[in-house]
């Protein structure tokens, strides 16, 4: 008994391939950001001074304005003065004004702060190190990869298991 030819499903590969691509990008970004932050944890520490700390508008999400904490600081490394603004290696997404102010409360203007700086490029610095905000990337990346793989498998090979697929024909 011969099987009828399989009809191609319009747009079928786009969904799982997009999920696989997004998963790979999220996971790659999480690995890169975590690696940068863990490397910075081994950098020398200089004493810095907070020169400015404010919440700045950072776009909109849903129907609310987003805010991002912005901290500027100065520090001395290798006998020279430098200024920095990197809080951490994780891009803080726009958040509520309250959340931004909560972060800024840790960095009042004039306060001394430990600044980690790259010994090979002392102008490169950061205030916070560790895995911090990379955990969503470590969860969402693999979840998207698994979901994309499952949809791809179900759409391509599901007919081998009793003629049923998860995707509509």
Protein backbone atom coordinates (compact mmCIF):
# COMPACT_ATOMS: atom_id res chain seq x y z
CA UNK A 1 0.00 0.00 0.00
CA UNK A 2 1.53 3.29 -1.05
CA UNK A 3 1.24 6.51 0.88
CA UNK A 4 -0.10 9.60 -0.82
CA UNK A 5 2.55 12.24 -1.41
CA UNK A 6 3.07 14.55 1.51
CA UNK A 7 1.74 18.05 0.93
CA UNK A 8 4.06 20.83 2.03
CA UNK A 9 2.73 22.99 4.82
CA UNK A 10 2.94 26.66 4.00
CA UNK A 11 5.25 28.47 6.40
CA UNK A 12 5.83 25.36 8.50
CA UNK A 13 9.62 25.50 8.83
CA UNK A 14 9.58 29.19 9.70
CA UNK A 15 8.16 28.75 13.22
CA UNK A 16 10.53 26.09 14.58
CA UNK A 17 13.52 27.59 12.78
CA UNK A 18 12.72 30.99 14.28
CA UNK A 19 12.44 29.41 17.74
CA UNK A 20 15.79 27.67 17.24
CA UNK A 21 17.41 30.92 16.10
CA UNK A 22 15.99 32.93 19.00
CA UNK A 23 17.04 30.22 21.45
CA UNK A 24 20.58 30.16 20.08
CA UNK A 25 20.81 33.96 20.25
CA UNK A 26 19.49 34.10 23.82
CA UNK A 27 21.78 31.34 25.00
CA UNK A 28 24.76 32.84 23.19
CA UNK A 29 24.07 36.24 24.72
CA UNK A 30 23.78 34.72 28.19
CA UNK A 31 27.07 32.85 27.77
CA UNK A 32 28.85 35.98 26.50
CA UNK A 33 27.48 38.25 29.23
CA UNK A 34 28.21 35.72 31.97
CA UNK A 35 31.73 35.17 30.67
CA UNK A 36 32.44 38.92 30.59
CA UNK A 37 31.13 39.36 34.11
CA UNK A 38 32.99 36.37 35.56
CA UNK A 39 36.23 37.56 33.91
CA UNK A 40 35.69 41.03 35.38
CA UNK A 41 35.40 39.48 38.85
CA UNK A 42 39.16 38.75 38.60
CA UNK A 43 40.08 42.31 37.54
CA UNK A 44 41.90 44.61 39.99
CA UNK A 45 39.76 46.82 42.20
CA UNK A 46 40.15 50.60 42.48
CA UNK A 47 38.27 52.93 44.77
CA UNK A 48 35.95 55.13 42.76
CA UNK A 49 33.54 57.95 43.50
CA UNK A 50 29.98 58.20 42.19
CA UNK A 51 29.65 61.47 40.26
CA UNK A 52 26.09 61.08 38.97
CA UNK A 53 23.21 58.69 39.55
CA UNK A 54 19.85 59.15 37.89
CA UNK A 55 16.97 57.32 36.30
CA UNK A 56 16.73 58.02 32.58
CA UNK A 57 13.79 57.31 30.26
CA UNK A 58 14.42 54.12 28.28
CA UNK A 59 11.51 53.61 25.92
CA UNK A 60 8.10 52.23 26.60
CA UNK A 61 6.74 48.80 27.40
CA UNK A 62 3.07 47.94 27.43
CA UNK A 63 1.47 51.31 28.09
CA UNK A 64 4.05 52.58 30.59
CA UNK A 65 7.32 54.45 30.24
CA UNK A 66 10.43 52.42 30.98
CA UNK A 67 13.34 53.67 33.09
CA UNK A 68 17.00 52.69 33.29
CA UNK A 69 19.39 53.45 36.16
CA UNK A 70 22.45 55.38 34.99
CA UNK A 71 25.50 55.68 37.26
CA UNK A 72 28.66 57.63 36.42
CA UNK A 73 31.83 57.30 38.48
CA UNK A 74 35.52 58.22 38.45
CA UNK A 75 38.45 56.10 39.59
CA UNK A 76 42.24 56.04 39.49
CA UNK A 77 44.07 53.14 37.82
CA UNK A 78 47.69 52.87 36.70
CA UNK A 79 48.31 56.43 37.92
CA UNK A 80 45.61 57.99 35.71
CA UNK A 81 42.07 59.18 36.34
CA UNK A 82 39.27 57.47 34.41
CA UNK A 83 35.52 57.78 34.31
CA UNK A 84 33.05 54.97 33.79
CA UNK A 85 29.35 54.35 33.47
CA UNK A 86 29.02 50.58 33.19
CA UNK A 87 26.96 49.27 36.05
CA UNK A 88 27.19 45.63 34.92
CA UNK A 89 27.58 43.55 31.77
CA UNK A 90 23.88 42.80 31.54
CA UNK A 91 21.75 45.23 29.61
CA UNK A 92 19.09 46.31 32.03
CA UNK A 93 15.81 46.35 30.19
CA UNK A 94 13.52 49.28 30.77
CA UNK A 95 11.94 48.89 34.15
CA UNK A 96 9.67 50.83 36.46
CA UNK A 97 10.85 54.09 37.98
CA UNK A 98 10.64 52.46 41.41
CA UNK A 99 12.96 49.61 40.37
CA UNK A 100 15.44 52.03 38.80
CA UNK A 101 15.47 54.12 41.99
CA UNK A 102 16.03 50.99 44.07
CA UNK A 103 19.23 50.31 42.11
CA UNK A 104 20.28 53.96 42.32
CA UNK A 105 19.84 53.95 46.12
CA UNK A 106 22.99 51.79 46.27
CA UNK A 107 25.00 54.55 44.52
CA UNK A 108 24.43 57.98 46.08
CA UNK A 109 26.49 60.79 44.54
CA UNK A 110 29.79 61.27 46.39
CA UNK A 111 29.88 57.70 47.76
CA UNK A 112 33.05 55.62 47.40
CA UNK A 113 32.50 52.47 45.36
CA UNK A 114 34.72 49.53 44.43
CA UNK A 115 35.40 49.69 40.68
CA UNK A 116 36.75 46.69 38.80
CA UNK A 117 38.86 47.67 35.81
CA UNK A 118 40.50 45.74 32.99
CA UNK A 119 44.27 45.73 33.62
CA UNK A 120 44.96 45.61 29.87
CA UNK A 121 42.55 48.47 29.14
CA UNK A 122 42.07 50.47 32.38
CA UNK A 123 39.38 52.68 30.82
CA UNK A 124 37.11 49.61 30.73
CA UNK A 125 35.39 49.21 34.09
CA UNK A 126 32.32 47.86 35.86
CA UNK A 127 30.70 48.20 39.28
CA UNK A 128 28.76 44.92 39.57
CA UNK A 129 30.11 41.48 38.70
CA UNK A 130 28.70 37.96 38.92
CA UNK A 131 25.95 36.17 37.04
CA UNK A 132 23.32 38.69 38.09
CA UNK A 133 20.69 39.15 35.41
CA UNK A 134 21.89 36.47 32.99
CA UNK A 135 19.70 33.74 34.48
CA UNK A 136 16.65 34.55 32.29
CA UNK A 137 18.83 34.07 29.21
CA UNK A 138 20.07 30.75 30.57
CA UNK A 139 16.44 29.61 30.99
CA UNK A 140 14.77 31.13 27.94
CA UNK A 141 17.52 30.16 25.48
CA UNK A 142 17.40 26.39 26.10
CA UNK A 143 13.60 26.48 26.47
CA UNK A 144 13.30 28.08 23.04
CA UNK A 145 15.76 25.55 21.59
CA UNK A 146 13.81 22.62 23.05
CA UNK A 147 10.47 24.03 21.90
CA UNK A 148 11.78 24.72 18.40
CA UNK A 149 13.28 21.22 18.20
CA UNK A 150 10.03 19.65 19.42
CA UNK A 151 7.93 21.55 16.88
CA UNK A 152 10.39 20.68 14.13
CA UNK A 153 10.37 17.00 15.13
CA UNK A 154 6.59 16.89 15.49
CA UNK A 155 6.01 18.48 12.12
CA UNK A 156 8.52 16.40 10.21
CA UNK A 157 8.48 13.03 11.90
CA UNK A 158 5.22 12.82 13.78
CA UNK A 159 3.48 10.99 10.94
CA UNK A 160 5.71 8.00 11.59
CA UNK A 161 3.89 7.47 14.88
CA UNK A 162 0.40 6.39 13.95
CA UNK A 163 -0.18 8.96 11.23
CA UNK A 164 -0.79 11.84 13.66
CA UNK A 165 1.11 15.08 13.85
CA UNK A 166 0.91 17.89 16.32
CA UNK A 167 0.59 20.49 13.61
CA UNK A 168 -2.61 21.01 11.61
CA UNK A 169 -2.53 19.83 8.02
